[in-house]
Amino acid sequence: MAGIGNVYVQDILFKAKLLPNRKISTLSEKDINDLYKAILDVVNHSIRLGGLAYEKDFYGEKGKFTSNEFLVGYKTGKPCPVCDTAIEKIKTGTTSSYICPKCQPSK
């Protein structure tokens, strides 16, 4: 998703129950609404925490959004927070994505 860092996209797609390789043309209206809600949820959560821990705000303060905040992002082999299925790392284009194969089914 252009404009949203890969660091957030993992959990956005997880919350929307979408795989990262889904084509836009295959998304239903419900999928699009779920995606929109997930974007707001994840980005607003990060904003409330002051952004990523390795970034600084205008006042030089580090954010409090740490790796502990991620639901599935960068958690290969760890249990899904919803269903306990092991999180998988898959190749998507030139990068990798982290998914729950049970919560993010292919359609």
PDB file of N, CA and C in Angstrom:
ATOM      1  N   MET A   1       0.851  -1.172   0.000  1.00  0.00           N
ATOM      2  CA  MET A   1       0.000   0.000   0.000  1.00  0.00           C
ATOM      3  C   MET A   1       0.894   1.230   0.000  1.00  0.00           C
ATOM      4  N   ALA A   2       0.788   2.012  -1.020  1.00  0.00           N
ATOM      5  CA  ALA A   2       1.608   3.207  -1.158  1.00  0.00           C
ATOM      6  C   ALA A   2       1.298   4.202  -0.042  1.00  0.00           C
ATOM      7  N   GLY A   3       2.345   4.765   0.531  1.00  0.00           N
ATOM      8  CA  GLY A   3       2.184   5.806   1.532  1.00  0.00           C
ATOM      9  C   GLY A   3       2.129   5.309   2.959  1.00  0.00           C
ATOM     10  N   ILE A   4       1.928   4.015   3.154  1.00  0.00           N
ATOM     11  CA  ILE A   4       1.921   3.443   4.497  1.00  0.00           C
ATOM     12  C   ILE A   4       3.122   2.518   4.586  1.00  0.00           C
ATOM     13  N   GLY A   5       3.958   2.742   5.556  1.00  0.00           N
ATOM     14  CA  GLY A   5       5.168   1.953   5.691  1.00  0.00           C
ATOM     15  C   GLY A   5       4.898   0.471   5.865  1.00  0.00           C
ATOM     16  N   ASN A   6       5.794  -0.344   5.331  1.00  0.00           N
ATOM     17  CA  ASN A   6       5.676  -1.795   5.415  1.00  0.00           C
ATOM     18  C   ASN A   6       5.570  -2.258   6.860  1.00  0.00           C
ATOM     19  N   VAL A   7       6.163  -1.505   7.763  1.00  0.00           N
ATOM     20  CA  VAL A   7       6.135  -1.868   9.172  1.00  0.00           C
ATOM     21  C   VAL A   7       4.697  -1.915   9.702  1.00  0.00           C
ATOM     22  N   TYR A   8       3.813  -1.082   9.180  1.00  0.00           N
ATOM     23  CA  TYR A   8       2.413  -1.062   9.611  1.00  0.00           C
ATOM     24  C   TYR A   8       1.507  -1.945   8.745  1.00  0.00           C
ATOM     25  N   VAL A   9       1.883  -2.136   7.513  1.00  0.00           N
ATOM     26  CA  VAL A   9       1.026  -2.866   6.564  1.00  0.00           C
ATOM     27  C   VAL A   9       0.756  -4.293   7.020  1.00  0.00           C
ATOM     28  N   GLN A  10       1.728  -4.929   7.657  1.00  0.00           N
ATOM     29  CA  GLN A  10       1.554  -6.321   8.101  1.00  0.00           C
ATOM     30  C   GLN A  10       0.305  -6.462   8.973  1.00  0.00           C
ATOM     31  N   ASP A  11       0.220  -5.601   9.994  1.00  0.00           N
ATOM     32  CA  ASP A  11      -0.898  -5.694  10.927  1.00  0.00           C
ATOM     33  C   ASP A  11      -2.188  -5.135  10.344  1.00  0.00           C
ATOM     34  N   ILE A  12      -2.084  -4.175   9.455  1.00  0.00           N
ATOM     35  CA  ILE A  12      -3.284  -3.651   8.787  1.00  0.00           C
ATOM     36  C   ILE A  12      -3.951  -4.771   7.989  1.00  0.00           C
ATOM     37  N   LEU A  13      -3.173  -5.468   7.191  1.00  0.00           N
ATOM     38  CA  LEU A  13      -3.735  -6.557   6.389  1.00  0.00           C
ATOM     39  C   LEU A  13      -4.235  -7.694   7.268  1.00  0.00           C
ATOM     40  N   PHE A  14      -3.538  -7.961   8.369  1.00  0.00           N
ATOM     41  CA  PHE A  14      -3.996  -8.991   9.300  1.00  0.00           C
ATOM     42  C   PHE A  14      -5.360  -8.621   9.879  1.00  0.00           C
ATOM     43  N   LYS A  15      -5.504  -7.384  10.354  1.00  0.00           N
ATOM     44  CA  LYS A  15      -6.775  -6.949  10.934  1.00  0.00           C
ATOM     45  C   LYS A  15      -7.906  -6.975   9.903  1.00  0.00           C
ATOM     46  N   ALA A  16      -7.567  -6.702   8.650  1.00  0.00           N
ATOM     47  CA  ALA A  16      -8.570  -6.711   7.579  1.00  0.00           C
ATOM     48  C   ALA A  16      -8.806  -8.124   7.026  1.00  0.00           C
ATOM     49  N   LYS A  17      -8.017  -9.102   7.510  1.00  0.00           N
ATOM     50  CA  LYS A  17      -8.119 -10.494   7.058  1.00  0.00           C
ATOM     51  C   LYS A  17      -7.838 -10.646   5.560  1.00  0.00           C
ATOM     52  N   LEU A  18      -6.848  -9.889   5.087  1.00  0.00           N
ATOM     53  CA  LEU A  18      -6.464  -9.910   3.674  1.00  0.00           C
ATOM     54  C   LEU A  18      -5.021 -10.357   3.520  1.00  0.00           C
ATOM     55  N   LEU A  19      -4.755 -11.095   2.466  1.00  0.00           N
ATOM     56  CA  LEU A  19      -3.383 -11.455   2.133  1.00  0.00           C
ATOM     57  C   LEU A  19      -2.731 -10.310   1.359  1.00  0.00           C
ATOM     58  N   PRO A  20      -1.440 -10.124   1.522  1.00  0.00           N
ATOM     59  CA  PRO A  20      -0.767  -9.009   0.851  1.00  0.00           C
ATOM     60  C   PRO A  20      -0.707  -9.130  -0.665  1.00  0.00           C
ATOM     61  N   ASN A  21      -0.893 -10.313  -1.203  1.00  0.00           N
ATOM     62  CA  ASN A  21      -0.826 -10.484  -2.662  1.00  0.00           C
ATOM     63  C   ASN A  21      -2.191 -10.447  -3.338  1.00  0.00           C
ATOM     64  N   ARG A  22      -3.234 -10.059  -2.606  1.00  0.00           N
ATOM     65  CA  ARG A  22      -4.567  -9.925  -3.219  1.00  0.00           C
ATOM     66  C   ARG A  22      -4.573  -8.765  -4.197  1.00  0.00           C
ATOM     67  N   LYS A  23      -5.176  -8.967  -5.327  1.00  0.00           N
ATOM     68  CA  LYS A  23      -5.315  -7.893  -6.310  1.00  0.00           C
ATOM     69  C   LYS A  23      -6.505  -7.018  -5.915  1.00  0.00           C
ATOM     70  N   ILE A  24      -6.368  -5.725  -6.121  1.00  0.00           N
ATOM     71  CA  ILE A  24      -7.427  -4.782  -5.768  1.00  0.00           C
ATOM     72  C   ILE A  24      -8.747  -5.176  -6.433  1.00  0.00           C
ATOM     73  N   SER A  25      -8.669  -5.648  -7.656  1.00  0.00           N
ATOM     74  CA  SER A  25      -9.891  -5.986  -8.396  1.00  0.00           C
ATOM     75  C   SER A  25     -10.676  -7.137  -7.762  1.00  0.00           C
ATOM     76  N   THR A  26     -10.049  -7.884  -6.844  1.00  0.00           N
ATOM     77  CA  THR A  26     -10.740  -8.997  -6.196  1.00  0.00           C
ATOM     78  C   THR A  26     -11.379  -8.608  -4.862  1.00  0.00           C
ATOM     79  N   LEU A  27     -11.164  -7.369  -4.428  1.00  0.00           N
ATOM     80  CA  LEU A  27     -11.689  -6.934  -3.133  1.00  0.00           C
ATOM     81  C   LEU A  27     -13.166  -6.577  -3.228  1.00  0.00           C
ATOM     82  N   SER A  28     -13.926  -7.084  -2.282  1.00  0.00           N
ATOM     83  CA  SER A  28     -15.349  -6.741  -2.202  1.00  0.00           C
ATOM     84  C   SER A  28     -15.488  -5.398  -1.473  1.00  0.00           C
ATOM     85  N   GLU A  29     -16.693  -4.878  -1.461  1.00  0.00           N
ATOM     86  CA  GLU A  29     -16.943  -3.638  -0.725  1.00  0.00           C
ATOM     87  C   GLU A  29     -16.655  -3.843   0.759  1.00  0.00           C
ATOM     88  N   LYS A  30     -17.006  -5.013   1.285  1.00  0.00           N
ATOM     89  CA  LYS A  30     -16.719  -5.325   2.689  1.00  0.00           C
ATOM     90  C   LYS A  30     -15.218  -5.361   2.933  1.00  0.00           C
ATOM     91  N   ASP A  31     -14.460  -5.996   2.030  1.00  0.00           N
ATOM     92  CA  ASP A  31     -13.002  -6.035   2.151  1.00  0.00           C
ATOM     93  C   ASP A  31     -12.422  -4.622   2.214  1.00  0.00           C
ATOM     94  N   ILE A  32     -12.902  -3.751   1.350  1.00  0.00           N
ATOM     95  CA  ILE A  32     -12.408  -2.370   1.293  1.00  0.00           C
ATOM     96  C   ILE A  32     -12.744  -1.630   2.586  1.00  0.00           C
ATOM     97  N   ASN A  33     -13.958  -1.816   3.086  1.00  0.00           N
ATOM     98  CA  ASN A  33     -14.341  -1.188   4.352  1.00  0.00           C
ATOM     99  C   ASN A  33     -13.510  -1.728   5.512  1.00  0.00           C
ATOM    100  N   ASP A  34     -13.284  -3.036   5.540  1.00  0.00           N
ATOM    101  CA  ASP A  34     -12.461  -3.634   6.587  1.00  0.00           C
ATOM    102  C   ASP A  34     -11.026  -3.113   6.513  1.00  0.00           C
ATOM    103  N   LEU A  35     -10.521  -2.958   5.301  1.00  0.00           N
ATOM    104  CA  LEU A  35      -9.173  -2.425   5.110  1.00  0.00           C
ATOM    105  C   LEU A  35      -9.080  -0.987   5.615  1.00  0.00           C
ATOM    106  N   TYR A  36     -10.056  -0.174   5.278  1.00  0.00           N
ATOM    107  CA  TYR A  36     -10.090   1.220   5.724  1.00  0.00           C
ATOM    108  C   TYR A  36     -10.099   1.300   7.260  1.00  0.00           C
ATOM    109  N   LYS A  37     -10.942   0.495   7.894  1.00  0.00           N
ATOM    110  CA  LYS A  37     -11.024   0.488   9.359  1.00  0.00           C
ATOM    111  C   LYS A  37      -9.710   0.029   9.976  1.00  0.00           C
ATOM    112  N   ALA A  38      -9.080  -0.978   9.368  1.00  0.00           N
ATOM    113  CA  ALA A  38      -7.807  -1.486   9.881  1.00  0.00           C
ATOM    114  C   ALA A  38      -6.705  -0.442   9.754  1.00  0.00           C
ATOM    115  N   ILE A  39      -6.682   0.300   8.653  1.00  0.00           N
ATOM    116  CA  ILE A  39      -5.698   1.371   8.486  1.00  0.00           C
ATOM    117  C   ILE A  39      -5.857   2.393   9.608  1.00  0.00           C
ATOM    118  N   LEU A  40      -7.079   2.843   9.826  1.00  0.00           N
ATOM    119  CA  LEU A  40      -7.325   3.824  10.884  1.00  0.00           C
ATOM    120  C   LEU A  40      -6.909   3.292  12.251  1.00  0.00           C
ATOM    121  N   ASP A  41      -7.254   2.054  12.528  1.00  0.00           N
ATOM    122  CA  ASP A  41      -6.950   1.462  13.825  1.00  0.00           C
ATOM    123  C   ASP A  41      -5.444   1.393  14.070  1.00  0.00           C
ATOM    124  N   VAL A  42      -4.708   0.829  13.135  1.00  0.00           N
ATOM    125  CA  VAL A  42      -3.269   0.631  13.313  1.00  0.00           C
ATOM    126  C   VAL A  42      -2.524   1.971  13.327  1.00  0.00           C
ATOM    127  N   VAL A  43      -2.830   2.847  12.394  1.00  0.00           N
ATOM    128  CA  VAL A  43      -2.129   4.134  12.329  1.00  0.00           C
ATOM    129  C   VAL A  43      -2.459   4.988  13.560  1.00  0.00           C
ATOM    130  N   ASN A  44      -3.710   5.026  13.962  1.00  0.00           N
ATOM    131  CA  ASN A  44      -4.075   5.800  15.152  1.00  0.00           C
ATOM    132  C   ASN A  44      -3.440   5.240  16.416  1.00  0.00           C
ATOM    133  N   HIS A  45      -3.318   3.918  16.501  1.00  0.00           N
ATOM    134  CA  HIS A  45      -2.640   3.302  17.655  1.00  0.00           C
ATOM    135  C   HIS A  45      -1.187   3.768  17.715  1.00  0.00           C
ATOM    136  N   SER A  46      -0.523   3.775  16.578  1.00  0.00           N
ATOM    137  CA  SER A  46       0.864   4.240  16.527  1.00  0.00           C
ATOM    138  C   SER A  46       0.968   5.722  16.900  1.00  0.00           C
ATOM    139  N   ILE A  47       0.043   6.522  16.418  1.00  0.00           N
ATOM    140  CA  ILE A  47       0.046   7.953  16.737  1.00  0.00           C
ATOM    141  C   ILE A  47      -0.110   8.157  18.246  1.00  0.00           C
ATOM    142  N   ARG A  48      -1.038   7.414  18.855  1.00  0.00           N
ATOM    143  CA  ARG A  48      -1.238   7.530  20.309  1.00  0.00           C
ATOM    144  C   ARG A  48       0.040   7.196  21.076  1.00  0.00           C
ATOM    145  N   LEU A  49       0.858   6.291  20.522  1.00  0.00           N
ATOM    146  CA  LEU A  49       2.110   5.906  21.175  1.00  0.00           C
ATOM    147  C   LEU A  49       3.288   6.778  20.753  1.00  0.00           C
ATOM    148  N   GLY A  50       3.029   7.779  19.941  1.00  0.00           N
ATOM    149  CA  GLY A  50       4.096   8.684  19.523  1.00  0.00           C
ATOM    150  C   GLY A  50       4.951   8.163  18.387  1.00  0.00           C
ATOM    151  N   GLY A  51       4.467   7.159  17.676  1.00  0.00           N
ATOM    152  CA  GLY A  51       5.200   6.616  16.534  1.00  0.00           C
ATOM    153  C   GLY A  51       6.121   5.482  16.923  1.00  0.00           C
ATOM    154  N   LEU A  52       6.901   5.046  15.956  1.00  0.00           N
ATOM    155  CA  LEU A  52       7.814   3.920  16.149  1.00  0.00           C
ATOM    156  C   LEU A  52       8.928   4.272  17.127  1.00  0.00           C
ATOM    157  N   ALA A  53       9.370   3.279  17.871  1.00  0.00           N
ATOM    158  CA  ALA A  53      10.385   3.487  18.905  1.00  0.00           C
ATOM    159  C   ALA A  53      11.704   3.995  18.347  1.00  0.00           C
ATOM    160  N   TYR A  54      12.012   3.674  17.091  1.00  0.00           N
ATOM    161  CA  TYR A  54      13.284   4.120  16.522  1.00  0.00           C
ATOM    162  C   TYR A  54      13.169   5.476  15.825  1.00  0.00           C
ATOM    163  N   GLU A  55      12.009   6.099  15.895  1.00  0.00           N
ATOM    164  CA  GLU A  55      11.816   7.425  15.310  1.00  0.00           C
ATOM    165  C   GLU A  55      11.661   8.451  16.428  1.00  0.00           C
ATOM    166  N   LYS A  56      11.919   9.702  16.100  1.00  0.00           N
ATOM    167  CA  LYS A  56      11.747  10.778  17.068  1.00  0.00           C
ATOM    168  C   LYS A  56      10.719  11.769  16.547  1.00  0.00           C
ATOM    169  N   ASP A  57      10.009  12.395  17.459  1.00  0.00           N
ATOM    170  CA  ASP A  57       9.044  13.415  17.075  1.00  0.00           C
ATOM    171  C   ASP A  57       9.737  14.777  16.941  1.00  0.00           C
ATOM    172  N   PHE A  58       8.965  15.826  16.740  1.00  0.00           N
ATOM    173  CA  PHE A  58       9.519  17.165  16.559  1.00  0.00           C
ATOM    174  C   PHE A  58      10.287  17.661  17.784  1.00  0.00           C
ATOM    175  N   TYR A  59      10.027  17.072  18.929  1.00  0.00           N
ATOM    176  CA  TYR A  59      10.667  17.478  20.179  1.00  0.00           C
ATOM    177  C   TYR A  59      11.844  16.589  20.557  1.00  0.00           C
ATOM    178  N   GLY A  60      12.176  15.653  19.676  1.00  0.00           N
ATOM    179  CA  GLY A  60      13.293  14.754  19.924  1.00  0.00           C
ATOM    180  C   GLY A  60      12.947  13.563  20.799  1.00  0.00           C
ATOM    181  N   GLU A  61      11.648  13.365  21.076  1.00  0.00           N
ATOM    182  CA  GLU A  61      11.211  12.253  21.908  1.00  0.00           C
ATOM    183  C   GLU A  61      10.999  11.008  21.053  1.00  0.00           C
ATOM    184  N   LYS A  62      11.502   9.881  21.541  1.00  0.00           N
ATOM    185  CA  LYS A  62      11.300   8.617  20.828  1.00  0.00           C
ATOM    186  C   LYS A  62       9.869   8.137  21.015  1.00  0.00           C
ATOM    187  N   GLY A  63       9.360   7.483  19.975  1.00  0.00           N
ATOM    188  CA  GLY A  63       8.031   6.895  20.057  1.00  0.00           C
ATOM    189  C   GLY A  63       8.025   5.679  20.966  1.00  0.00           C
ATOM    190  N   LYS A  64       6.843   5.225  21.302  1.00  0.00           N
ATOM    191  CA  LYS A  64       6.702   4.076  22.195  1.00  0.00           C
ATOM    192  C   LYS A  64       6.082   2.861  21.486  1.00  0.00           C
ATOM    193  N   PHE A  65       5.978   2.937  20.156  1.00  0.00           N
ATOM    194  CA  PHE A  65       5.463   1.810  19.380  1.00  0.00           C
ATOM    195  C   PHE A  65       6.635   0.861  19.131  1.00  0.00           C
ATOM    196  N   THR A  66       6.733  -0.184  19.961  1.00  0.00           N
ATOM    197  CA  THR A  66       7.835  -1.141  19.870  1.00  0.00           C
ATOM    198  C   THR A  66       7.375  -2.410  19.161  1.00  0.00           C
ATOM    199  N   SER A  67       8.295  -3.326  18.993  1.00  0.00           N
ATOM    200  CA  SER A  67       7.960  -4.606  18.347  1.00  0.00           C
ATOM    201  C   SER A  67       6.910  -5.375  19.143  1.00  0.00           C
ATOM    202  N   ASN A  68       6.775  -5.088  20.422  1.00  0.00           N
ATOM    203  CA  ASN A  68       5.738  -5.748  21.232  1.00  0.00           C
ATOM    204  C   ASN A  68       4.333  -5.365  20.778  1.00  0.00           C
ATOM    205  N   GLU A  69       4.198  -4.231  20.111  1.00  0.00           N
ATOM    206  CA  GLU A  69       2.899  -3.758  19.643  1.00  0.00           C
ATOM    207  C   GLU A  69       2.409  -4.513  18.409  1.00  0.00           C
ATOM    208  N   PHE A  70       3.330  -5.111  17.653  1.00  0.00           N
ATOM    209  CA  PHE A  70       2.933  -5.803  16.426  1.00  0.00           C
ATOM    210  C   PHE A  70       2.082  -7.023  16.737  1.00  0.00           C
ATOM    211  N   LEU A  71       1.073  -7.226  15.922  1.00  0.00           N
ATOM    212  CA  LEU A  71       0.232  -8.412  16.057  1.00  0.00           C
ATOM    213  C   LEU A  71       0.869  -9.603  15.348  1.00  0.00           C
ATOM    214  N   VAL A  72       1.245  -9.404  14.074  1.00  0.00           N
ATOM    215  CA  VAL A  72       1.872 -10.479  13.298  1.00  0.00           C
ATOM    216  C   VAL A  72       3.185 -10.033  12.654  1.00  0.00           C
ATOM    217  N   GLY A  73       3.345  -8.751  12.449  1.00  0.00           N
ATOM    218  CA  GLY A  73       4.535  -8.236  11.782  1.00  0.00           C
ATOM    219  C   GLY A  73       5.816  -8.646  12.484  1.00  0.00           C
ATOM    220  N   TYR A  74       6.728  -9.259  11.731  1.00  0.00           N
ATOM    221  CA  TYR A  74       8.055  -9.620  12.209  1.00  0.00           C
ATOM    222  C   TYR A  74       8.014 -10.669  13.325  1.00  0.00           C
ATOM    223  N   LYS A  75       6.979 -11.500  13.328  1.00  0.00           N
ATOM    224  CA  LYS A  75       6.811 -12.502  14.391  1.00  0.00           C
ATOM    225  C   LYS A  75       6.738 -13.923  13.830  1.00  0.00           C
ATOM    226  N   THR A  76       7.608 -14.233  12.899  1.00  0.00           N
ATOM    227  CA  THR A  76       7.649 -15.563  12.291  1.00  0.00           C
ATOM    228  C   THR A  76       7.702 -16.650  13.367  1.00  0.00           C
ATOM    229  N   GLY A  77       6.800 -17.635  13.233  1.00  0.00           N
ATOM    230  CA  GLY A  77       6.783 -18.768  14.140  1.00  0.00           C
ATOM    231  C   GLY A  77       6.044 -18.534  15.448  1.00  0.00           C
ATOM    232  N   LYS A  78       5.755 -17.286  15.769  1.00  0.00           N
ATOM    233  CA  LYS A  78       5.025 -16.979  17.003  1.00  0.00           C
ATOM    234  C   LYS A  78       3.539 -17.268  16.775  1.00  0.00           C
ATOM    235  N   PRO A  79       2.779 -17.508  17.847  1.00  0.00           N
ATOM    236  CA  PRO A  79       1.350 -17.796  17.681  1.00  0.00           C
ATOM    237  C   PRO A  79       0.548 -16.553  17.287  1.00  0.00           C
ATOM    238  N   CYS A  80      -0.404 -16.756  16.405  1.00  0.00           N
ATOM    239  CA  CYS A  80      -1.330 -15.695  16.018  1.00  0.00           C
ATOM    240  C   CYS A  80      -2.073 -15.241  17.269  1.00  0.00           C
ATOM    241  N   PRO A  81      -2.267 -13.924  17.455  1.00  0.00           N
ATOM    242  CA  PRO A  81      -2.978 -13.436  18.633  1.00  0.00           C
ATOM    243  C   PRO A  81      -4.468 -13.778  18.642  1.00  0.00           C
ATOM    244  N   VAL A  82      -4.988 -14.250  17.514  1.00  0.00           N
ATOM    245  CA  VAL A  82      -6.403 -14.604  17.430  1.00  0.00           C
ATOM    246  C   VAL A  82      -6.618 -16.114  17.527  1.00  0.00           C
ATOM    247  N   CYS A  83      -5.842 -16.891  16.750  1.00  0.00           N
ATOM    248  CA  CYS A  83      -6.129 -18.329  16.641  1.00  0.00           C
ATOM    249  C   CYS A  83      -4.980 -19.252  17.048  1.00  0.00           C
ATOM    250  N   ASP A  84      -3.845 -18.709  17.423  1.00  0.00           N
ATOM    251  CA  ASP A  84      -2.653 -19.463  17.847  1.00  0.00           C
ATOM    252  C   ASP A  84      -1.923 -20.203  16.723  1.00  0.00           C
ATOM    253  N   THR A  85      -2.346 -20.043  15.474  1.00  0.00           N
ATOM    254  CA  THR A  85      -1.612 -20.626  14.346  1.00  0.00           C
ATOM    255  C   THR A  85      -0.274 -19.900  14.224  1.00  0.00           C
ATOM    256  N   ALA A  86       0.768 -20.599  13.847  1.00  0.00           N
ATOM    257  CA  ALA A  86       2.090 -19.997  13.706  1.00  0.00           C
ATOM    258  C   ALA A  86       2.095 -18.954  12.582  1.00  0.00           C
ATOM    259  N   ILE A  87       2.648 -17.795  12.876  1.00  0.00           N
ATOM    260  CA  ILE A  87       2.794 -16.726  11.880  1.00  0.00           C
ATOM    261  C   ILE A  87       3.837 -17.166  10.856  1.00  0.00           C
ATOM    262  N   GLU A  88       3.548 -16.915   9.581  1.00  0.00           N
ATOM    263  CA  GLU A  88       4.458 -17.286   8.498  1.00  0.00           C
ATOM    264  C   GLU A  88       5.021 -16.036   7.829  1.00  0.00           C
ATOM    265  N   LYS A  89       6.249 -16.158   7.367  1.00  0.00           N
ATOM    266  CA  LYS A  89       6.897 -15.107   6.581  1.00  0.00           C
ATOM    267  C   LYS A  89       6.839 -15.555   5.127  1.00  0.00           C
ATOM    268  N   ILE A  90       6.237 -14.720   4.276  1.00  0.00           N
ATOM    269  CA  ILE A  90       6.134 -15.057   2.862  1.00  0.00           C
ATOM    270  C   ILE A  90       6.800 -13.965   2.033  1.00  0.00           C
ATOM    271  N   LYS A  91       7.223 -14.322   0.852  1.00  0.00           N
ATOM    272  CA  LYS A  91       7.841 -13.357  -0.068  1.00  0.00           C
ATOM    273  C   LYS A  91       6.740 -12.665  -0.864  1.00  0.00           C
ATOM    274  N   THR A  92       6.772 -11.346  -0.880  1.00  0.00           N
ATOM    275  CA  THR A  92       5.807 -10.559  -1.656  1.00  0.00           C
ATOM    276  C   THR A  92       6.586  -9.500  -2.428  1.00  0.00           C
ATOM    277  N   GLY A  93       6.779  -9.780  -3.686  1.00  0.00           N
ATOM    278  CA  GLY A  93       7.548  -8.847  -4.511  1.00  0.00           C
ATOM    279  C   GLY A  93       8.989  -8.789  -4.049  1.00  0.00           C
ATOM    280  N   THR A  94       9.459  -7.589  -3.762  1.00  0.00           N
ATOM    281  CA  THR A  94      10.848  -7.411  -3.346  1.00  0.00           C
ATOM    282  C   THR A  94      11.015  -7.413  -1.828  1.00  0.00           C
ATOM    283  N   THR A  95       9.939  -7.657  -1.114  1.00  0.00           N
ATOM    284  CA  THR A  95       9.989  -7.641   0.344  1.00  0.00           C
ATOM    285  C   THR A  95       9.356  -8.912   0.904  1.00  0.00           C
ATOM    286  N   SER A  96       9.269  -8.972   2.196  1.00  0.00           N
ATOM    287  CA  SER A  96       8.606 -10.095   2.862  1.00  0.00           C
ATOM    288  C   SER A  96       7.391  -9.589   3.605  1.00  0.00           C
ATOM    289  N   SER A  97       6.434 -10.467   3.824  1.00  0.00           N
ATOM    290  CA  SER A  97       5.240 -10.139   4.581  1.00  0.00           C
ATOM    291  C   SER A  97       5.029 -11.222   5.620  1.00  0.00           C
ATOM    292  N   TYR A  98       4.328 -10.861   6.666  1.00  0.00           N
ATOM    293  CA  TYR A  98       4.051 -11.771   7.767  1.00  0.00           C
ATOM    294  C   TYR A  98       2.539 -11.951   7.845  1.00  0.00           C
ATOM    295  N   ILE A  99       2.118 -13.208   7.851  1.00  0.00           N
ATOM    296  CA  ILE A  99       0.686 -13.494   7.795  1.00  0.00           C
ATOM    297  C   ILE A  99       0.319 -14.621   8.745  1.00  0.00           C
ATOM    298  N   CYS A 100      -0.957 -14.684   9.071  1.00  0.00           N
ATOM    299  CA  CYS A 100      -1.534 -15.867   9.716  1.00  0.00           C
ATOM    300  C   CYS A 100      -2.286 -16.607   8.624  1.00  0.00           C
ATOM    301  N   PRO A 101      -1.840 -17.804   8.260  1.00  0.00           N
ATOM    302  CA  PRO A 101      -2.499 -18.521   7.164  1.00  0.00           C
ATOM    303  C   PRO A 101      -3.950 -18.895   7.455  1.00  0.00           C
ATOM    304  N   LYS A 102      -4.337 -18.915   8.714  1.00  0.00           N
ATOM    305  CA  LYS A 102      -5.719 -19.253   9.062  1.00  0.00           C
ATOM    306  C   LYS A 102      -6.606 -18.009   9.053  1.00  0.00           C
ATOM    307  N   CYS A 103      -6.136 -16.911   9.631  1.00  0.00           N
ATOM    308  CA  CYS A 103      -6.936 -15.685   9.716  1.00  0.00           C
ATOM    309  C   CYS A 103      -6.955 -14.883   8.417  1.00  0.00           C
ATOM    310  N   GLN A 104      -5.971 -15.116   7.559  1.00  0.00           N
ATOM    311  CA  GLN A 104      -5.873 -14.410   6.282  1.00  0.00           C
ATOM    312  C   GLN A 104      -5.950 -15.408   5.136  1.00  0.00           C
ATOM    313  N   PRO A 105      -7.104 -16.015   4.944  1.00  0.00           N
ATOM    314  CA  PRO A 105      -7.223 -17.059   3.924  1.00  0.00           C
ATOM    315  C   PRO A 105      -7.142 -16.501   2.504  1.00  0.00           C
ATOM    316  N   SER A 106      -6.669 -17.326   1.603  1.00  0.00           N
ATOM    317  CA  SER A 106      -6.695 -16.915   0.190  1.00  0.00           C
ATOM    318  C   SER A 106      -8.112 -17.081  -0.312  1.00  0.00           C
ATOM    319  N   LYS A 107      -8.517 -16.193  -1.209  1.00  0.00           N
ATOM    320  CA  LYS A 107      -9.897 -16.251  -1.725  1.00  0.00           C
ATOM    321  C   LYS A 107      -9.883 -16.472  -3.203  1.00  0.00           C
TER     322      LYS A 107
END
